[in-house]
Amino acid sequence: MTLIVSPAINCPPKIAWLLDSRKEEPEDKLAIVTVGAYPEGDLNPITGVLQESVVRQNGFLHIFGVGSPYESHLISKVIKLPQWIKALPDTYSHILFVDARDVFLMASKKEILEKYNAASSPIVIGYESNNWPTYSEEFGEAMAKTVPDDFPCKYPNSGLWIG
């Protein structure tokens, strides 16, 4: 299977890329997005596993920030990401955000949406057992109080959410 990487429709140049290996089905309503703030030449070696896993699940991968520097989690995932998401085609009903380097899909978009819907929550966020990056002890303590005491993963992971 050949991967075709081209600038995404309705997005300013160099901000978003669309990895496209097939025609999207009309019932597909889940956009899979990531931040790929790497030089273009480094994109495939860094994000190749994620790209391949999305293609194997018959999906599109929207890669934002290609060619621009990764400034920080706050800038890329909080300030810029909502702007990039607004540039997506309005055919999507849900967004699955995943980190580009260390995530790959193991389920179809249909299965992902079924599990999301079963959670009965407007947003589902991945959690992890350690507080990283640690900005302050107060932040870590506040986050740990948001989940039950017996839950081993107390810290939200900005690298995996759906809503």
N, C-alpha and C. Protein backbone atom coordinates (compact mmCIF):
# COMPACT_ATOMS: atom_id res chain seq x y z
N MET A 1 0.85 -1.17 0.00
CA MET A 1 0.00 0.00 0.00
C MET A 1 0.90 1.24 0.00
N THR A 2 0.57 2.18 -0.85
CA THR A 2 1.34 3.41 -0.95
C THR A 2 0.69 4.50 -0.12
N LEU A 3 1.47 5.21 0.64
CA LEU A 3 0.97 6.33 1.42
C LEU A 3 1.17 7.60 0.62
N ILE A 4 0.13 8.40 0.55
CA ILE A 4 0.22 9.69 -0.14
C ILE A 4 0.06 10.77 0.91
N VAL A 5 1.06 11.60 1.07
CA VAL A 5 1.00 12.69 2.03
C VAL A 5 0.84 13.98 1.23
N SER A 6 -0.23 14.72 1.51
CA SER A 6 -0.47 15.96 0.78
C SER A 6 -1.07 16.98 1.73
N PRO A 7 -0.97 18.28 1.40
CA PRO A 7 -1.56 19.29 2.28
C PRO A 7 -3.05 19.04 2.46
N ALA A 8 -3.54 19.20 3.66
CA ALA A 8 -4.94 18.95 3.95
C ALA A 8 -5.83 20.05 3.37
N ILE A 9 -7.01 19.68 3.01
CA ILE A 9 -8.00 20.61 2.48
C ILE A 9 -8.43 21.57 3.59
N ASN A 10 -8.68 22.82 3.25
CA ASN A 10 -9.18 23.84 4.17
C ASN A 10 -8.20 24.20 5.28
N CYS A 11 -6.91 23.92 5.10
CA CYS A 11 -5.94 24.24 6.14
C CYS A 11 -4.83 25.09 5.54
N PRO A 12 -4.34 26.08 6.29
CA PRO A 12 -3.23 26.88 5.79
C PRO A 12 -2.02 25.99 5.49
N PRO A 13 -1.22 26.32 4.48
CA PRO A 13 -0.04 25.50 4.15
C PRO A 13 0.88 25.34 5.35
N LYS A 14 1.51 24.20 5.43
CA LYS A 14 2.50 23.86 6.45
C LYS A 14 1.91 23.73 7.85
N ILE A 15 0.62 23.82 8.01
CA ILE A 15 0.04 23.67 9.34
C ILE A 15 -0.53 22.27 9.51
N ALA A 16 -1.25 21.77 8.56
CA ALA A 16 -1.86 20.46 8.70
C ALA A 16 -1.54 19.61 7.49
N TRP A 17 -1.36 18.34 7.72
CA TRP A 17 -1.16 17.39 6.65
C TRP A 17 -2.19 16.30 6.81
N LEU A 18 -2.54 15.68 5.69
CA LEU A 18 -3.53 14.61 5.70
C LEU A 18 -2.87 13.38 5.11
N LEU A 19 -2.78 12.33 5.88
CA LEU A 19 -2.26 11.07 5.38
C LEU A 19 -3.44 10.30 4.83
N ASP A 20 -3.44 10.04 3.54
CA ASP A 20 -4.61 9.50 2.86
C ASP A 20 -4.22 8.26 2.07
N SER A 21 -4.78 7.13 2.40
CA SER A 21 -4.50 5.92 1.64
C SER A 21 -5.74 5.33 1.01
N ARG A 22 -6.90 5.98 1.19
CA ARG A 22 -8.15 5.45 0.66
C ARG A 22 -9.21 6.54 0.65
N LYS A 23 -10.34 6.22 0.10
CA LYS A 23 -11.48 7.13 0.15
C LYS A 23 -12.21 6.90 1.46
N GLU A 24 -12.53 7.96 2.15
CA GLU A 24 -13.21 7.84 3.44
C GLU A 24 -14.69 7.51 3.22
N GLU A 25 -15.20 6.61 4.01
CA GLU A 25 -16.60 6.23 3.92
C GLU A 25 -17.48 7.33 4.48
N PRO A 26 -18.68 7.55 3.91
CA PRO A 26 -19.54 8.62 4.39
C PRO A 26 -19.90 8.50 5.87
N GLU A 27 -19.97 7.26 6.39
CA GLU A 27 -20.35 7.10 7.79
C GLU A 27 -19.19 7.34 8.76
N ASP A 28 -17.98 7.52 8.23
CA ASP A 28 -16.85 7.81 9.10
C ASP A 28 -17.00 9.20 9.68
N LYS A 29 -17.08 9.28 10.98
CA LYS A 29 -17.26 10.57 11.66
C LYS A 29 -16.16 10.86 12.65
N LEU A 30 -15.14 10.01 12.72
CA LEU A 30 -14.06 10.16 13.69
C LEU A 30 -12.81 10.69 12.99
N ALA A 31 -12.36 11.87 13.38
CA ALA A 31 -11.11 12.42 12.88
C ALA A 31 -9.99 11.98 13.82
N ILE A 32 -8.93 11.42 13.26
CA ILE A 32 -7.77 11.03 14.05
C ILE A 32 -6.71 12.10 13.79
N VAL A 33 -6.28 12.78 14.87
CA VAL A 33 -5.37 13.91 14.72
C VAL A 33 -4.17 13.77 15.64
N THR A 34 -3.06 14.39 15.22
CA THR A 34 -1.86 14.42 16.04
C THR A 34 -1.08 15.69 15.72
N VAL A 35 -0.15 16.02 16.59
CA VAL A 35 0.77 17.13 16.33
C VAL A 35 2.07 16.51 15.82
N GLY A 36 2.50 16.96 14.65
CA GLY A 36 3.74 16.49 14.06
C GLY A 36 4.68 17.65 13.81
N ALA A 37 5.01 18.40 14.84
CA ALA A 37 5.85 19.58 14.71
C ALA A 37 7.31 19.15 14.58
N TYR A 38 7.61 18.59 13.43
CA TYR A 38 8.95 18.12 13.11
C TYR A 38 9.28 18.60 11.70
N PRO A 39 10.56 18.68 11.35
CA PRO A 39 10.90 18.98 9.96
C PRO A 39 10.29 17.91 9.05
N GLU A 40 9.89 18.30 7.85
CA GLU A 40 9.23 17.37 6.94
C GLU A 40 10.03 16.09 6.74
N GLY A 41 11.35 16.20 6.64
CA GLY A 41 12.18 15.03 6.41
C GLY A 41 12.21 14.05 7.57
N ASP A 42 11.87 14.52 8.77
CA ASP A 42 11.87 13.66 9.96
C ASP A 42 10.50 13.06 10.24
N LEU A 43 9.47 13.51 9.53
CA LEU A 43 8.11 13.13 9.86
C LEU A 43 7.88 11.61 9.76
N ASN A 44 8.24 10.99 8.66
CA ASN A 44 7.98 9.55 8.52
C ASN A 44 8.75 8.70 9.51
N PRO A 45 10.05 8.96 9.75
CA PRO A 45 10.74 8.14 10.76
C PRO A 45 10.14 8.28 12.16
N ILE A 46 9.66 9.47 12.50
CA ILE A 46 9.14 9.71 13.84
C ILE A 46 7.71 9.20 13.99
N THR A 47 6.87 9.41 12.98
CA THR A 47 5.45 9.09 13.10
C THR A 47 5.04 7.87 12.29
N GLY A 48 6.00 7.17 11.72
CA GLY A 48 5.69 6.05 10.82
C GLY A 48 4.83 4.96 11.44
N VAL A 49 5.09 4.60 12.69
CA VAL A 49 4.31 3.54 13.33
C VAL A 49 2.85 3.97 13.47
N LEU A 50 2.62 5.20 13.91
CA LEU A 50 1.26 5.71 14.01
C LEU A 50 0.60 5.76 12.63
N GLN A 51 1.31 6.29 11.63
CA GLN A 51 0.76 6.37 10.28
C GLN A 51 0.33 5.00 9.79
N GLU A 52 1.20 4.03 9.92
CA GLU A 52 0.90 2.68 9.43
C GLU A 52 -0.29 2.08 10.17
N SER A 53 -0.37 2.29 11.48
CA SER A 53 -1.48 1.72 12.24
C SER A 53 -2.82 2.34 11.82
N VAL A 54 -2.82 3.64 11.52
CA VAL A 54 -4.05 4.30 11.08
C VAL A 54 -4.47 3.75 9.72
N VAL A 55 -3.51 3.58 8.82
CA VAL A 55 -3.81 3.04 7.49
C VAL A 55 -4.36 1.62 7.61
N ARG A 56 -3.77 0.81 8.49
CA ARG A 56 -4.26 -0.57 8.67
C ARG A 56 -5.69 -0.62 9.18
N GLN A 57 -6.12 0.44 9.86
CA GLN A 57 -7.50 0.52 10.35
C GLN A 57 -8.38 1.31 9.38
N ASN A 58 -7.89 1.51 8.15
CA ASN A 58 -8.63 2.22 7.10
C ASN A 58 -8.98 3.64 7.50
N GLY A 59 -8.04 4.33 8.11
CA GLY A 59 -8.32 5.69 8.57
C GLY A 59 -7.46 6.74 7.89
N PHE A 60 -7.84 7.98 8.10
CA PHE A 60 -7.06 9.16 7.74
C PHE A 60 -6.33 9.62 9.00
N LEU A 61 -5.16 10.18 8.83
CA LEU A 61 -4.44 10.78 9.95
C LEU A 61 -4.17 12.23 9.60
N HIS A 62 -4.72 13.13 10.38
CA HIS A 62 -4.47 14.56 10.21
C HIS A 62 -3.28 14.91 11.09
N ILE A 63 -2.19 15.38 10.46
CA ILE A 63 -0.96 15.70 11.18
C ILE A 63 -0.79 17.21 11.14
N PHE A 64 -0.86 17.86 12.30
CA PHE A 64 -0.78 19.31 12.39
C PHE A 64 0.62 19.77 12.79
N GLY A 65 1.02 20.92 12.29
CA GLY A 65 2.26 21.56 12.71
C GLY A 65 3.51 21.11 11.98
N VAL A 66 3.35 20.38 10.87
CA VAL A 66 4.51 19.87 10.15
C VAL A 66 5.39 21.03 9.70
N GLY A 67 6.68 20.90 9.97
CA GLY A 67 7.64 21.92 9.56
C GLY A 67 7.81 23.06 10.54
N SER A 68 6.98 23.10 11.57
CA SER A 68 7.12 24.17 12.57
C SER A 68 7.73 23.58 13.84
N PRO A 69 8.38 24.39 14.64
CA PRO A 69 9.01 23.87 15.86
C PRO A 69 7.96 23.51 16.92
N TYR A 70 8.27 22.51 17.70
CA TYR A 70 7.42 22.15 18.84
C TYR A 70 7.81 23.07 19.98
N GLU A 71 6.93 23.98 20.32
CA GLU A 71 7.27 25.00 21.32
C GLU A 71 7.10 24.49 22.74
N SER A 72 5.97 23.86 23.02
CA SER A 72 5.71 23.29 24.34
C SER A 72 4.38 22.56 24.27
N HIS A 73 4.09 21.77 25.33
CA HIS A 73 2.78 21.11 25.39
C HIS A 73 1.67 22.16 25.42
N LEU A 74 1.88 23.20 26.19
CA LEU A 74 0.86 24.25 26.32
C LEU A 74 0.57 24.89 24.96
N ILE A 75 1.59 25.27 24.23
CA ILE A 75 1.38 25.93 22.94
C ILE A 75 0.76 24.96 21.94
N SER A 76 1.34 23.78 21.78
CA SER A 76 0.89 22.85 20.74
C SER A 76 -0.43 22.16 21.05
N LYS A 77 -0.63 21.74 22.30
CA LYS A 77 -1.80 20.93 22.62
C LYS A 77 -2.96 21.71 23.23
N VAL A 78 -2.71 22.93 23.69
CA VAL A 78 -3.77 23.70 24.32
C VAL A 78 -4.13 24.93 23.48
N ILE A 79 -3.12 25.65 23.03
CA ILE A 79 -3.40 26.90 22.31
C ILE A 79 -3.62 26.66 20.81
N LYS A 80 -2.71 25.94 20.15
CA LYS A 80 -2.82 25.76 18.69
C LYS A 80 -3.79 24.66 18.27
N LEU A 81 -3.86 23.58 19.04
CA LEU A 81 -4.68 22.44 18.62
C LEU A 81 -6.14 22.81 18.35
N PRO A 82 -6.80 23.59 19.20
CA PRO A 82 -8.19 23.96 18.88
C PRO A 82 -8.32 24.70 17.54
N GLN A 83 -7.34 25.53 17.22
CA GLN A 83 -7.36 26.24 15.93
C GLN A 83 -7.22 25.25 14.78
N TRP A 84 -6.32 24.30 14.92
CA TRP A 84 -6.12 23.30 13.88
C TRP A 84 -7.37 22.44 13.71
N ILE A 85 -7.99 22.06 14.83
CA ILE A 85 -9.19 21.23 14.76
C ILE A 85 -10.31 21.97 14.04
N LYS A 86 -10.42 23.27 14.27
CA LYS A 86 -11.45 24.06 13.58
C LYS A 86 -11.26 24.05 12.07
N ALA A 87 -10.05 23.81 11.61
CA ALA A 87 -9.77 23.78 10.17
C ALA A 87 -10.15 22.45 9.51
N LEU A 88 -10.53 21.45 10.32
CA LEU A 88 -10.94 20.16 9.76
C LEU A 88 -12.27 20.29 9.01
N PRO A 89 -12.51 19.41 8.05
CA PRO A 89 -13.83 19.41 7.40
C PRO A 89 -14.93 19.22 8.43
N ASP A 90 -16.06 19.84 8.23
CA ASP A 90 -17.15 19.76 9.22
C ASP A 90 -17.93 18.46 9.16
N THR A 91 -17.43 17.48 8.44
CA THR A 91 -18.11 16.19 8.37
C THR A 91 -17.85 15.32 9.60
N TYR A 92 -16.87 15.69 10.42
CA TYR A 92 -16.54 14.88 11.59
C TYR A 92 -17.42 15.23 12.78
N SER A 93 -17.78 14.20 13.53
CA SER A 93 -18.56 14.41 14.75
C SER A 93 -17.70 14.24 16.00
N HIS A 94 -16.56 13.55 15.87
CA HIS A 94 -15.69 13.27 17.02
C HIS A 94 -14.23 13.44 16.62
N ILE A 95 -13.41 13.76 17.61
CA ILE A 95 -11.96 13.91 17.42
C ILE A 95 -11.26 12.92 18.34
N LEU A 96 -10.34 12.15 17.79
CA LEU A 96 -9.44 11.31 18.58
C LEU A 96 -8.06 11.93 18.44
N PHE A 97 -7.54 12.48 19.54
CA PHE A 97 -6.19 13.03 19.53
C PHE A 97 -5.24 12.01 20.12
N VAL A 98 -4.12 11.78 19.42
CA VAL A 98 -3.09 10.86 19.92
C VAL A 98 -1.72 11.50 19.73
N ASP A 99 -0.78 11.18 20.61
CA ASP A 99 0.60 11.61 20.41
C ASP A 99 1.15 10.94 19.16
N ALA A 100 2.10 11.60 18.51
CA ALA A 100 2.63 11.11 17.24
C ALA A 100 3.73 10.06 17.39
N ARG A 101 4.49 10.12 18.46
CA ARG A 101 5.68 9.27 18.59
C ARG A 101 5.44 7.91 19.22
N ASP A 102 4.55 7.84 20.18
CA ASP A 102 4.48 6.63 21.00
C ASP A 102 3.09 6.02 21.08
N VAL A 103 2.28 6.24 20.05
CA VAL A 103 0.92 5.70 20.03
C VAL A 103 0.69 5.00 18.70
N PHE A 104 -0.07 3.91 18.73
CA PHE A 104 -0.53 3.29 17.49
C PHE A 104 -1.92 2.71 17.74
N LEU A 105 -2.72 2.66 16.69
CA LEU A 105 -4.10 2.16 16.83
C LEU A 105 -4.11 0.64 16.77
N MET A 106 -4.92 0.05 17.65
CA MET A 106 -5.09 -1.39 17.65
C MET A 106 -6.54 -1.78 17.40
N ALA A 107 -7.40 -0.81 17.19
CA ALA A 107 -8.82 -1.07 16.98
C ALA A 107 -9.30 -0.21 15.81
N SER A 108 -10.39 -0.64 15.21
CA SER A 108 -10.98 0.13 14.12
C SER A 108 -11.64 1.39 14.66
N LYS A 109 -11.89 2.34 13.77
CA LYS A 109 -12.58 3.55 14.18
C LYS A 109 -13.97 3.20 14.72
N LYS A 110 -14.60 2.22 14.13
CA LYS A 110 -15.93 1.80 14.60
C LYS A 110 -15.85 1.30 16.04
N GLU A 111 -14.87 0.45 16.33
CA GLU A 111 -14.71 -0.06 17.70
C GLU A 111 -14.35 1.05 18.68
N ILE A 112 -13.48 1.97 18.26
CA ILE A 112 -13.11 3.09 19.12
C ILE A 112 -14.35 3.91 19.47
N LEU A 113 -15.17 4.21 18.48
CA LEU A 113 -16.39 4.99 18.73
C LEU A 113 -17.38 4.23 19.60
N GLU A 114 -17.50 2.92 19.41
CA GLU A 114 -18.40 2.12 20.25
C GLU A 114 -17.96 2.18 21.71
N LYS A 115 -16.67 2.05 21.97
CA LYS A 115 -16.16 2.10 23.35
C LYS A 115 -16.29 3.51 23.93
N TYR A 116 -16.06 4.50 23.12
CA TYR A 116 -16.25 5.88 23.57
C TYR A 116 -17.71 6.10 23.95
N ASN A 117 -18.63 5.69 23.09
CA ASN A 117 -20.06 5.87 23.38
C ASN A 117 -20.49 5.11 24.63
N ALA A 118 -19.90 3.94 24.86
CA ALA A 118 -20.23 3.16 26.05
C ALA A 118 -19.79 3.86 27.34
N ALA A 119 -18.80 4.73 27.24
CA ALA A 119 -18.32 5.45 28.43
C ALA A 119 -19.31 6.52 28.87
N SER A 120 -20.23 6.92 28.01
CA SER A 120 -21.25 7.93 28.33
C SER A 120 -20.65 9.20 28.92
N SER A 121 -19.62 9.70 28.28
CA SER A 121 -18.96 10.92 28.73
C SER A 121 -18.64 11.77 27.51
N PRO A 122 -18.76 13.09 27.60
CA PRO A 122 -18.48 13.91 26.42
C PRO A 122 -17.01 13.86 26.01
N ILE A 123 -16.11 13.66 26.97
CA ILE A 123 -14.68 13.55 26.68
C ILE A 123 -14.12 12.40 27.51
N VAL A 124 -13.30 11.56 26.88
CA VAL A 124 -12.59 10.50 27.58
C VAL A 124 -11.11 10.77 27.40
N ILE A 125 -10.38 10.81 28.53
CA ILE A 125 -8.96 11.16 28.52
C ILE A 125 -8.16 9.99 29.07
N GLY A 126 -7.02 9.72 28.44
CA GLY A 126 -6.11 8.72 28.96
C GLY A 126 -5.48 9.21 30.25
N TYR A 127 -5.23 8.31 31.15
CA TYR A 127 -4.56 8.62 32.41
C TYR A 127 -3.31 7.78 32.53
N GLU A 128 -2.35 8.26 33.30
CA GLU A 128 -1.11 7.53 33.50
C GLU A 128 -0.73 7.54 34.98
N SER A 129 0.20 6.66 35.34
CA SER A 129 0.53 6.50 36.76
C SER A 129 1.54 7.52 37.27
N ASN A 130 2.23 8.24 36.38
CA ASN A 130 3.18 9.24 36.86
C ASN A 130 2.79 10.63 36.35
N ASN A 131 3.19 11.65 37.08
CA ASN A 131 2.87 13.03 36.76
C ASN A 131 4.04 13.60 35.95
N TRP A 132 3.91 13.55 34.60
CA TRP A 132 4.98 14.05 33.75
C TRP A 132 4.39 14.83 32.60
N PRO A 133 4.94 15.92 32.17
CA PRO A 133 6.02 16.59 32.89
C PRO A 133 5.49 17.23 34.16
N THR A 134 6.28 17.26 35.18
CA THR A 134 5.86 17.80 36.46
C THR A 134 6.10 19.31 36.47
N TYR A 135 5.00 20.05 36.47
CA TYR A 135 5.11 21.50 36.53
C TYR A 135 5.11 22.00 37.97
N SER A 136 4.37 21.29 38.82
CA SER A 136 4.35 21.68 40.22
C SER A 136 3.77 20.53 41.04
N GLU A 137 4.18 20.47 42.28
CA GLU A 137 3.62 19.45 43.17
C GLU A 137 2.13 19.70 43.39
N GLU A 138 1.75 20.97 43.45
CA GLU A 138 0.34 21.31 43.66
C GLU A 138 -0.53 20.75 42.53
N PHE A 139 -0.04 20.86 41.29
CA PHE A 139 -0.78 20.33 40.15
C PHE A 139 -0.94 18.83 40.29
N GLY A 140 0.13 18.14 40.61
CA GLY A 140 0.07 16.69 40.76
C GLY A 140 -0.89 16.28 41.86
N GLU A 141 -0.85 16.97 42.97
CA GLU A 141 -1.75 16.65 44.08
C GLU A 141 -3.21 16.92 43.70
N ALA A 142 -3.45 18.01 42.98
CA ALA A 142 -4.82 18.33 42.56
C ALA A 142 -5.35 17.28 41.59
N MET A 143 -4.52 16.84 40.64
CA MET A 143 -4.94 15.84 39.67
C MET A 143 -5.21 14.49 40.35
N ALA A 144 -4.38 14.14 41.31
CA ALA A 144 -4.55 12.86 42.00
C ALA A 144 -5.88 12.80 42.73
N LYS A 145 -6.42 13.96 43.13
CA LYS A 145 -7.70 13.99 43.85
C LYS A 145 -8.91 13.83 42.93
N THR A 146 -8.70 13.85 41.61
CA THR A 146 -9.83 13.78 40.67
C THR A 146 -10.27 12.35 40.36
N VAL A 147 -9.51 11.37 40.84
CA VAL A 147 -9.85 9.96 40.57
C VAL A 147 -9.97 9.21 41.90
N PRO A 148 -10.66 8.08 41.89
CA PRO A 148 -10.80 7.30 43.12
C PRO A 148 -9.44 6.88 43.69
N ASP A 149 -9.37 6.73 45.01
CA ASP A 149 -8.12 6.37 45.68
C ASP A 149 -7.53 5.06 45.16
N ASP A 150 -8.38 4.08 44.82
CA ASP A 150 -7.87 2.78 44.40
C ASP A 150 -7.53 2.74 42.90
N PHE A 151 -7.68 3.84 42.20
CA PHE A 151 -7.35 3.90 40.78
C PHE A 151 -5.85 4.14 40.64
N PRO A 152 -5.11 3.25 39.96
CA PRO A 152 -3.65 3.37 39.92
C PRO A 152 -3.14 4.52 39.05
N CYS A 153 -3.92 4.97 38.10
CA CYS A 153 -3.48 6.02 37.18
C CYS A 153 -4.19 7.32 37.53
N LYS A 154 -3.48 8.24 38.14
CA LYS A 154 -4.10 9.43 38.70
C LYS A 154 -3.86 10.71 37.90
N TYR A 155 -3.07 10.64 36.83
CA TYR A 155 -2.69 11.86 36.13
C TYR A 155 -3.17 11.84 34.68
N PRO A 156 -3.85 12.90 34.23
CA PRO A 156 -4.33 12.93 32.84
C PRO A 156 -3.15 12.97 31.87
N ASN A 157 -3.33 12.29 30.75
CA ASN A 157 -2.30 12.23 29.72
C ASN A 157 -2.80 13.03 28.52
N SER A 158 -2.15 14.14 28.24
CA SER A 158 -2.58 15.00 27.14
C SER A 158 -2.37 14.36 25.78
N GLY A 159 -1.74 13.20 25.74
CA GLY A 159 -1.44 12.52 24.49
C GLY A 159 -2.49 11.52 24.03
N LEU A 160 -3.64 11.48 24.71
CA LEU A 160 -4.68 10.55 24.28
C LEU A 160 -6.02 11.01 24.84
N TRP A 161 -6.89 11.47 23.94
CA TRP A 161 -8.24 11.85 24.35
C TRP A 161 -9.17 11.75 23.16
N ILE A 162 -10.46 11.62 23.46
CA ILE A 162 -11.48 11.56 22.43
C ILE A 162 -12.69 12.35 22.91
N GLY A 163 -13.33 13.00 22.01
CA GLY A 163 -14.53 13.75 22.36
C GLY A 163 -15.19 14.36 21.15
